[in-house]
């Protein structure tokens, strides 16, 4: 399922964008 790979890639990009984010609540929302 390359669909899963697509989602994983999107999550990775979001993570890179939000790497400077240190607010636990925002990080928790990102994980959900």
Protein backbone atom coordinates (compact mmCIF):
# COMPACT_ATOMS: atom_id res chain seq x y z
CA UNK A 1 0.00 0.00 0.00
CA UNK A 2 1.88 3.04 -1.20
CA UNK A 3 -0.99 5.03 0.32
CA UNK A 4 0.52 4.37 3.74
CA UNK A 5 3.90 5.57 2.50
CA UNK A 6 2.24 8.77 1.34
CA UNK A 7 0.75 9.38 4.78
CA UNK A 8 4.05 8.59 6.49
CA UNK A 9 5.80 11.05 4.20
CA UNK A 10 3.24 13.74 5.03
CA UNK A 11 3.68 13.10 8.75
CA UNK A 12 7.45 13.34 8.39
CA UNK A 13 7.14 16.67 6.58
CA UNK A 14 4.79 17.97 9.26
CA UNK A 15 7.19 16.80 11.94
CA UNK A 16 10.08 18.62 10.28
CA UNK A 17 7.99 21.77 10.07
CA UNK A 18 7.06 21.52 13.73
CA UNK A 19 10.44 20.41 15.06
CA UNK A 20 10.91 23.80 16.70
CA UNK A 21 7.56 23.34 18.44
CA UNK A 22 8.05 22.65 22.14
CA UNK A 23 4.50 23.10 23.37
CA UNK A 24 3.53 19.63 24.75
CA UNK A 25 -0.14 20.09 23.87
CA UNK A 26 0.62 20.82 20.22
CA UNK A 27 3.06 17.92 20.06
CA UNK A 28 0.44 15.62 21.59
CA UNK A 29 -2.12 16.72 19.00
CA UNK A 30 0.37 16.00 16.24
CA UNK A 31 0.90 12.47 17.55
CA UNK A 32 -2.82 11.68 17.65
